[in-house]
Amino acid sequence: MNPLSAIESDDRLGGADRLQNITTARGLMLEEEALPEESLTEQVSQDFILEKRATVMPDISLAKQVTHYLSQERREKLDRQIETLYNRVARELNDNPKDVSFALKRLQQAHDIVLEDMWRYEEALCWITEIKTMLLKKQTWRRWSYTWGVFVFFYALIWLTAFIAAFFIDITTWIAGGNILNIWFASLAGGIGGVVGILYHLYWHVSIRVDFDRQYLMNYLIQPILGFMLGGVIFLLSNAGFILAGAKLLDDSAPLIDGVQLFQMLLGFLAGFNQQVVYSAIDRIIRRLLPGHQNSAR
């Protein structure tokens, strides 16, 4: 029922009642206007439905461009590269079964793409480039092994000869000191240990692994020098330990080389051979003496 019609049908109401009815009618009209339409308040389904397709249809223009790019000539060229790499892998990587297995698997996958699925052409090209890089690196290492490796070998022999000859030099005529011979022999033993470490690494990386890297050349060059210095450091550390333990060190009546000195020379040799262990021990000593110290040299 319209609110205004109710007011018009009741003309007998008094003035106050008539005014109240008019106010009520206007309020009802405003309330009806404020309510939204029923179409706006209906509940809408929240389900998102996708139509299932068996296959995604490729773009025809894009397919034509790819087909034009991957011409028969390009596919045949890639196939010839794969066959060539098969022969190179068998010839150049035969000393490492793990590398051979990895390379053959990659080439097989690339060959399957060339024959069956040229849409993955860039993936096959990436794998072929990976095998080429592996072969190039192997060639470079082999060349460095018998050029720079031979140079390092003779460099180590020169140092070995010098250290052995230094054992027969009487340095007491130049430097006076009670334990000068002890520290001298320990340092020489450390230098010899460094030389032996070089020869061992050459044997491992040239003859076994065939991966001699010229980037580590500086490490080979300084190893005898650092071994000589670390041999002296080990002598000082062991000497301090003997003093703290109350052991009697060499005196003037002792023979030229006794058991304690042989032990110190052995420690010096081991320090020169495996220098990283000595560096770690020195780091631990520094951290104990200086708890707040952080070694940032490495």
Protein backbone atom coordinates (compact mmCIF):
# COMPACT_ATOMS: atom_id res chain seq x y z
CA MET A 1 0.00 0.00 0.00
CA ASN A 2 1.27 3.47 -0.95
CA PRO A 3 1.83 5.63 2.18
CA LEU A 4 0.40 8.76 0.48
CA SER A 5 -2.85 6.99 -0.39
CA ALA A 6 -3.31 6.13 3.27
CA ILE A 7 -3.05 9.81 4.16
CA GLU A 8 -5.45 10.94 1.42
CA SER A 9 -8.09 8.36 2.45
CA ASP A 10 -8.18 9.62 5.98
CA ASP A 11 -9.24 13.30 5.69
CA ARG A 12 -10.99 13.18 9.05
CA LEU A 13 -7.72 13.12 11.06
CA GLY A 14 -6.77 16.13 13.08
CA GLY A 15 -3.92 18.47 12.25
CA ALA A 16 -1.36 16.84 14.59
CA ASP A 17 -2.25 13.32 13.47
CA ARG A 18 -2.18 14.37 9.84
CA LEU A 19 1.32 15.85 10.25
CA GLN A 20 2.57 12.65 11.94
CA ASN A 21 1.23 10.48 9.10
CA ILE A 22 2.91 12.68 6.49
CA THR A 23 6.26 12.38 8.29
CA THR A 24 5.93 8.60 8.55
CA ALA A 25 5.01 8.32 4.88
CA ARG A 26 8.03 10.33 3.79
CA GLY A 27 10.32 8.13 5.97
CA LEU A 28 8.98 4.96 4.36
CA MET A 29 9.54 6.41 0.88
CA LEU A 30 13.15 7.29 1.67
CA GLU A 31 13.73 3.80 3.12
CA GLU A 32 12.40 2.16 -0.04
CA GLU A 33 14.60 4.35 -2.23
CA ALA A 34 17.70 3.47 -0.13
CA LEU A 35 17.26 -0.28 -0.53
CA PRO A 36 19.25 -1.79 -3.46
CA GLU A 37 17.61 -3.58 -6.31
CA GLU A 38 17.06 -7.30 -5.92
CA SER A 39 19.40 -8.02 -8.85
CA LEU A 40 22.26 -6.42 -6.93
CA THR A 41 21.68 -8.42 -3.75
CA GLU A 42 21.45 -11.84 -5.37
CA GLN A 43 24.21 -14.31 -4.47
CA VAL A 44 26.62 -15.00 -7.32
CA SER A 45 28.48 -18.30 -7.63
CA GLN A 46 32.13 -18.05 -6.62
CA ASP A 47 33.23 -21.09 -8.65
CA PHE A 48 35.74 -20.36 -11.43
CA ILE A 49 35.21 -22.82 -14.23
CA LEU A 50 37.84 -23.50 -16.88
CA GLU A 51 37.18 -25.49 -19.96
CA LYS A 52 39.54 -28.45 -20.24
CA ARG A 53 41.42 -28.82 -23.50
CA ALA A 54 43.26 -31.90 -24.59
CA THR A 55 46.09 -29.93 -26.22
CA VAL A 56 47.07 -26.29 -26.45
CA MET A 57 46.82 -25.08 -29.99
CA PRO A 58 50.05 -23.32 -31.02
CA ASP A 59 50.09 -19.98 -32.71
CA ILE A 60 50.12 -20.65 -36.44
CA SER A 61 52.28 -17.63 -37.31
CA LEU A 62 54.77 -18.49 -34.57
CA ALA A 63 54.87 -22.10 -35.73
CA LYS A 64 55.69 -20.95 -39.26
CA GLN A 65 58.54 -18.76 -37.99
CA VAL A 66 60.01 -21.59 -35.91
CA THR A 67 59.69 -24.05 -38.78
CA HIS A 68 61.42 -21.60 -41.10
CA TYR A 69 64.23 -21.06 -38.56
CA LEU A 70 64.66 -24.77 -37.88
CA SER A 71 65.19 -25.65 -41.48
CA GLN A 72 66.37 -29.05 -42.62
CA GLU A 73 69.84 -27.66 -43.23
CA ARG A 74 70.14 -26.41 -39.65
CA ARG A 75 68.96 -29.73 -38.25
CA GLU A 76 71.43 -31.66 -40.35
CA LYS A 77 74.25 -29.36 -39.23
CA LEU A 78 73.36 -29.92 -35.57
CA ASP A 79 73.19 -33.65 -36.17
CA ARG A 80 76.68 -33.64 -37.70
CA GLN A 81 78.02 -31.74 -34.69
CA ILE A 82 76.59 -34.38 -32.36
CA GLU A 83 78.21 -37.20 -34.32
CA THR A 84 81.55 -35.37 -34.25
CA LEU A 85 81.26 -34.88 -30.50
CA TYR A 86 80.58 -38.59 -30.03
CA ASN A 87 83.96 -39.34 -31.60
CA ARG A 88 85.75 -36.62 -29.62
CA VAL A 89 84.30 -37.82 -26.31
CA ALA A 90 85.47 -41.37 -27.00
CA ARG A 91 88.93 -40.12 -27.93
CA GLU A 92 89.56 -37.32 -25.40
CA LEU A 93 87.62 -38.33 -22.29
CA ASN A 94 88.42 -42.05 -22.22
CA ASP A 95 90.59 -41.63 -19.10
CA ASN A 96 87.62 -40.58 -16.96
CA PRO A 97 84.60 -42.93 -17.06
CA LYS A 98 82.45 -40.49 -15.09
CA ASP A 99 82.97 -37.68 -17.61
CA VAL A 100 82.39 -40.08 -20.51
CA SER A 101 79.07 -41.26 -19.04
CA PHE A 102 77.89 -37.69 -18.44
CA ALA A 103 78.87 -36.51 -21.94
CA LEU A 104 77.29 -39.49 -23.72
CA LYS A 105 74.03 -39.01 -21.83
CA ARG A 106 73.89 -35.33 -22.79
CA LEU A 107 74.64 -36.12 -26.45
CA GLN A 108 71.96 -38.81 -26.51
CA GLN A 109 69.37 -36.37 -25.19
CA ALA A 110 70.41 -33.74 -27.74
CA HIS A 111 70.23 -36.31 -30.54
CA ASP A 112 66.70 -37.33 -29.54
CA ILE A 113 65.61 -33.70 -29.70
CA VAL A 114 67.08 -33.26 -33.19
CA LEU A 115 65.30 -36.35 -34.49
CA GLU A 116 61.94 -36.07 -32.70
CA ASP A 117 61.27 -32.70 -31.04
CA MET A 118 62.82 -29.71 -32.78
CA TRP A 119 60.70 -27.35 -30.68
CA ARG A 120 63.36 -27.94 -27.98
CA TYR A 121 66.14 -26.95 -30.35
CA GLU A 122 67.65 -24.39 -27.95
CA GLU A 123 67.90 -27.05 -25.22
CA ALA A 124 69.83 -29.38 -27.51
CA LEU A 125 72.10 -26.52 -28.54
CA CYS A 126 72.79 -25.72 -24.88
CA TRP A 127 73.80 -29.32 -24.12
CA ILE A 128 76.09 -29.47 -27.13
CA THR A 129 77.78 -26.25 -26.00
CA GLU A 130 78.22 -27.76 -22.53
CA ILE A 131 80.04 -30.78 -23.99
CA LYS A 132 82.21 -28.53 -26.17
CA THR A 133 83.18 -26.51 -23.08
CA MET A 134 84.08 -29.70 -21.21
CA LEU A 135 86.31 -30.89 -24.06
CA LEU A 136 87.97 -27.49 -24.40
CA LYS A 137 88.69 -27.36 -20.67
CA LYS A 138 90.15 -30.87 -20.82
CA GLN A 139 92.42 -29.87 -23.71
CA THR A 140 93.58 -26.79 -21.83
CA TRP A 141 94.35 -28.77 -18.68
CA ARG A 142 96.27 -31.36 -20.67
CA ARG A 143 98.33 -28.66 -22.37
CA TRP A 144 99.04 -26.90 -19.08
CA SER A 145 100.02 -30.22 -17.46
CA TYR A 146 102.96 -30.68 -19.81
CA THR A 147 103.99 -27.04 -20.09
CA TRP A 148 103.46 -25.28 -16.78
CA GLY A 149 103.47 -28.60 -14.95
CA VAL A 150 106.96 -29.42 -16.24
CA PHE A 151 108.13 -25.94 -15.28
CA VAL A 152 106.83 -26.42 -11.72
CA PHE A 153 108.53 -29.83 -11.56
CA PHE A 154 112.00 -28.44 -12.32
CA TYR A 155 111.30 -25.46 -10.05
CA ALA A 156 110.65 -27.90 -7.20
CA LEU A 157 113.83 -29.86 -8.00
CA ILE A 158 115.91 -26.68 -7.74
CA TRP A 159 114.50 -25.94 -4.30
CA LEU A 160 115.00 -29.54 -3.19
CA THR A 161 118.65 -29.44 -4.20
CA ALA A 162 119.13 -26.13 -2.39
CA PHE A 163 117.56 -27.37 0.84
CA ILE A 164 119.58 -30.59 0.87
CA ALA A 165 122.81 -28.69 0.21
CA ALA A 166 121.95 -26.26 3.02
CA PHE A 167 122.17 -29.11 5.55
CA PHE A 168 125.93 -29.18 5.00
CA ILE A 169 126.40 -25.43 5.49
CA ASP A 170 127.77 -24.43 8.89
CA ILE A 171 125.79 -21.31 9.67
CA THR A 172 127.32 -20.98 13.14
CA THR A 173 130.24 -19.18 11.51
CA TRP A 174 127.81 -16.42 10.50
CA ILE A 175 125.21 -16.49 13.28
CA ALA A 176 126.00 -17.33 16.90
CA GLY A 177 123.37 -18.94 19.08
CA GLY A 178 122.77 -21.96 21.23
CA ASN A 179 119.82 -23.37 19.25
CA ILE A 180 120.50 -21.81 15.86
CA LEU A 181 121.30 -25.18 14.29
CA ASN A 182 118.08 -26.64 15.65
CA ILE A 183 115.84 -23.99 14.13
CA TRP A 184 117.91 -24.08 10.91
CA PHE A 185 117.43 -27.83 10.47
CA ALA A 186 113.71 -27.61 11.32
CA SER A 187 113.25 -24.83 8.75
CA LEU A 188 115.10 -26.83 6.08
CA ALA A 189 112.91 -29.82 6.86
CA GLY A 190 109.85 -27.60 6.41
CA GLY A 191 111.17 -26.43 3.04
CA ILE A 192 111.71 -30.02 1.93
CA GLY A 193 108.17 -30.82 3.05
CA GLY A 194 106.89 -27.98 0.86
CA VAL A 195 108.81 -29.37 -2.13
CA VAL A 196 107.45 -32.86 -1.53
CA GLY A 197 103.96 -31.35 -1.35
CA ILE A 198 104.50 -29.79 -4.80
CA LEU A 199 105.67 -33.09 -6.28
CA TYR A 200 102.72 -34.93 -4.76
CA HIS A 201 100.22 -32.43 -6.19
CA LEU A 202 101.87 -32.66 -9.60
CA TYR A 203 101.58 -36.44 -9.53
CA TRP A 204 97.91 -36.26 -8.55
CA HIS A 205 96.78 -33.49 -10.91
CA VAL A 206 98.94 -34.33 -13.92
CA SER A 207 99.08 -38.12 -13.95
CA ILE A 208 95.84 -39.12 -12.19
CA ARG A 209 93.27 -36.35 -12.60
CA VAL A 210 94.79 -34.58 -15.63
CA ASP A 211 93.37 -31.28 -14.39
CA PHE A 212 96.43 -29.14 -13.69
CA ASP A 213 95.17 -25.56 -13.43
CA ARG A 214 97.50 -22.66 -14.11
CA GLN A 215 95.47 -20.48 -11.75
CA TYR A 216 97.18 -22.27 -8.84
CA LEU A 217 100.68 -21.52 -10.15
CA MET A 218 101.41 -18.97 -7.42
CA ASN A 219 100.55 -21.55 -4.78
CA TYR A 220 103.21 -23.88 -6.20
CA LEU A 221 105.80 -21.10 -6.39
CA ILE A 222 105.51 -19.98 -2.77
CA GLN A 223 105.05 -23.41 -1.20
CA PRO A 224 108.80 -24.10 -0.60
CA ILE A 225 109.30 -20.64 0.91
CA LEU A 226 106.30 -20.95 3.20
CA GLY A 227 107.37 -24.46 4.14
CA PHE A 228 110.79 -23.16 5.19
CA MET A 229 109.19 -20.46 7.35
CA LEU A 230 106.58 -22.77 8.86
CA GLY A 231 109.31 -25.25 9.80
CA GLY A 232 110.86 -22.53 11.95
CA VAL A 233 107.49 -21.63 13.44
CA ILE A 234 106.83 -25.25 14.36
CA PHE A 235 110.26 -25.42 16.01
CA LEU A 236 109.41 -22.41 18.18
CA LEU A 237 106.02 -23.83 19.14
CA SER A 238 107.41 -27.25 20.00
CA ASN A 239 110.34 -25.67 21.86
CA ALA A 240 107.90 -23.66 23.97
CA GLY A 241 106.00 -26.85 24.72
CA PHE A 242 109.14 -28.66 25.85
CA ILE A 243 110.09 -25.77 28.10
CA LEU A 244 106.64 -25.71 29.69
CA ALA A 245 106.86 -29.46 30.22
CA GLY A 246 110.22 -29.08 31.96
CA ALA A 247 112.11 -31.21 29.44
CA LYS A 248 115.84 -30.74 29.06
CA LEU A 249 116.76 -29.37 25.65
CA LEU A 250 119.96 -29.76 23.75
CA ASP A 251 123.12 -28.73 25.52
CA ASP A 252 126.69 -28.35 24.34
CA SER A 253 127.60 -31.95 25.17
CA ALA A 254 124.69 -33.40 23.17
CA PRO A 255 125.35 -34.98 19.77
CA LEU A 256 124.75 -33.02 16.58
CA ILE A 257 121.23 -34.43 16.18
CA ASP A 258 119.34 -36.17 18.96
CA GLY A 259 115.80 -37.49 19.36
CA VAL A 260 114.22 -34.15 20.25
CA GLN A 261 115.75 -32.44 17.26
CA LEU A 262 114.68 -35.26 14.94
CA PHE A 263 111.14 -34.90 16.27
CA GLN A 264 111.21 -31.16 15.60
CA MET A 265 112.51 -31.76 12.09
CA LEU A 266 109.71 -34.25 11.49
CA LEU A 267 107.16 -31.68 12.65
CA GLY A 268 108.77 -29.11 10.36
CA PHE A 269 108.53 -31.50 7.40
CA LEU A 270 104.86 -32.21 8.08
CA ALA A 271 104.17 -28.49 8.43
CA GLY A 272 105.74 -27.81 5.05
CA PHE A 273 103.92 -30.71 3.40
CA ASN A 274 100.44 -29.86 4.71
CA GLN A 275 100.59 -26.13 5.34
CA GLN A 276 96.85 -25.64 5.72
CA VAL A 277 96.88 -27.59 8.99
CA VAL A 278 99.48 -25.21 10.42
CA TYR A 279 97.46 -22.17 9.34
CA SER A 280 94.39 -23.58 11.10
CA ALA A 281 96.44 -24.24 14.27
CA ILE A 282 97.79 -20.69 14.22
CA ASP A 283 94.24 -19.36 13.83
CA ARG A 284 93.11 -21.32 16.87
CA ILE A 285 96.04 -20.01 18.93
CA ILE A 286 95.24 -16.43 17.91
CA ARG A 287 91.57 -16.88 18.83
CA ARG A 288 92.57 -18.18 22.25
CA LEU A 289 94.98 -15.32 22.90
CA LEU A 290 92.71 -12.68 21.36
CA PRO A 291 89.08 -13.82 21.77
CA GLY A 292 87.69 -10.79 19.95
CA HIS A 293 90.01 -11.14 16.97
CA GLN A 294 88.51 -12.14 13.64
CA ASN A 295 90.94 -13.36 11.01
CA SER A 296 89.90 -11.77 7.71
CA ALA A 297 93.01 -12.70 5.74
CA ARG A 298 91.30 -15.60 3.97
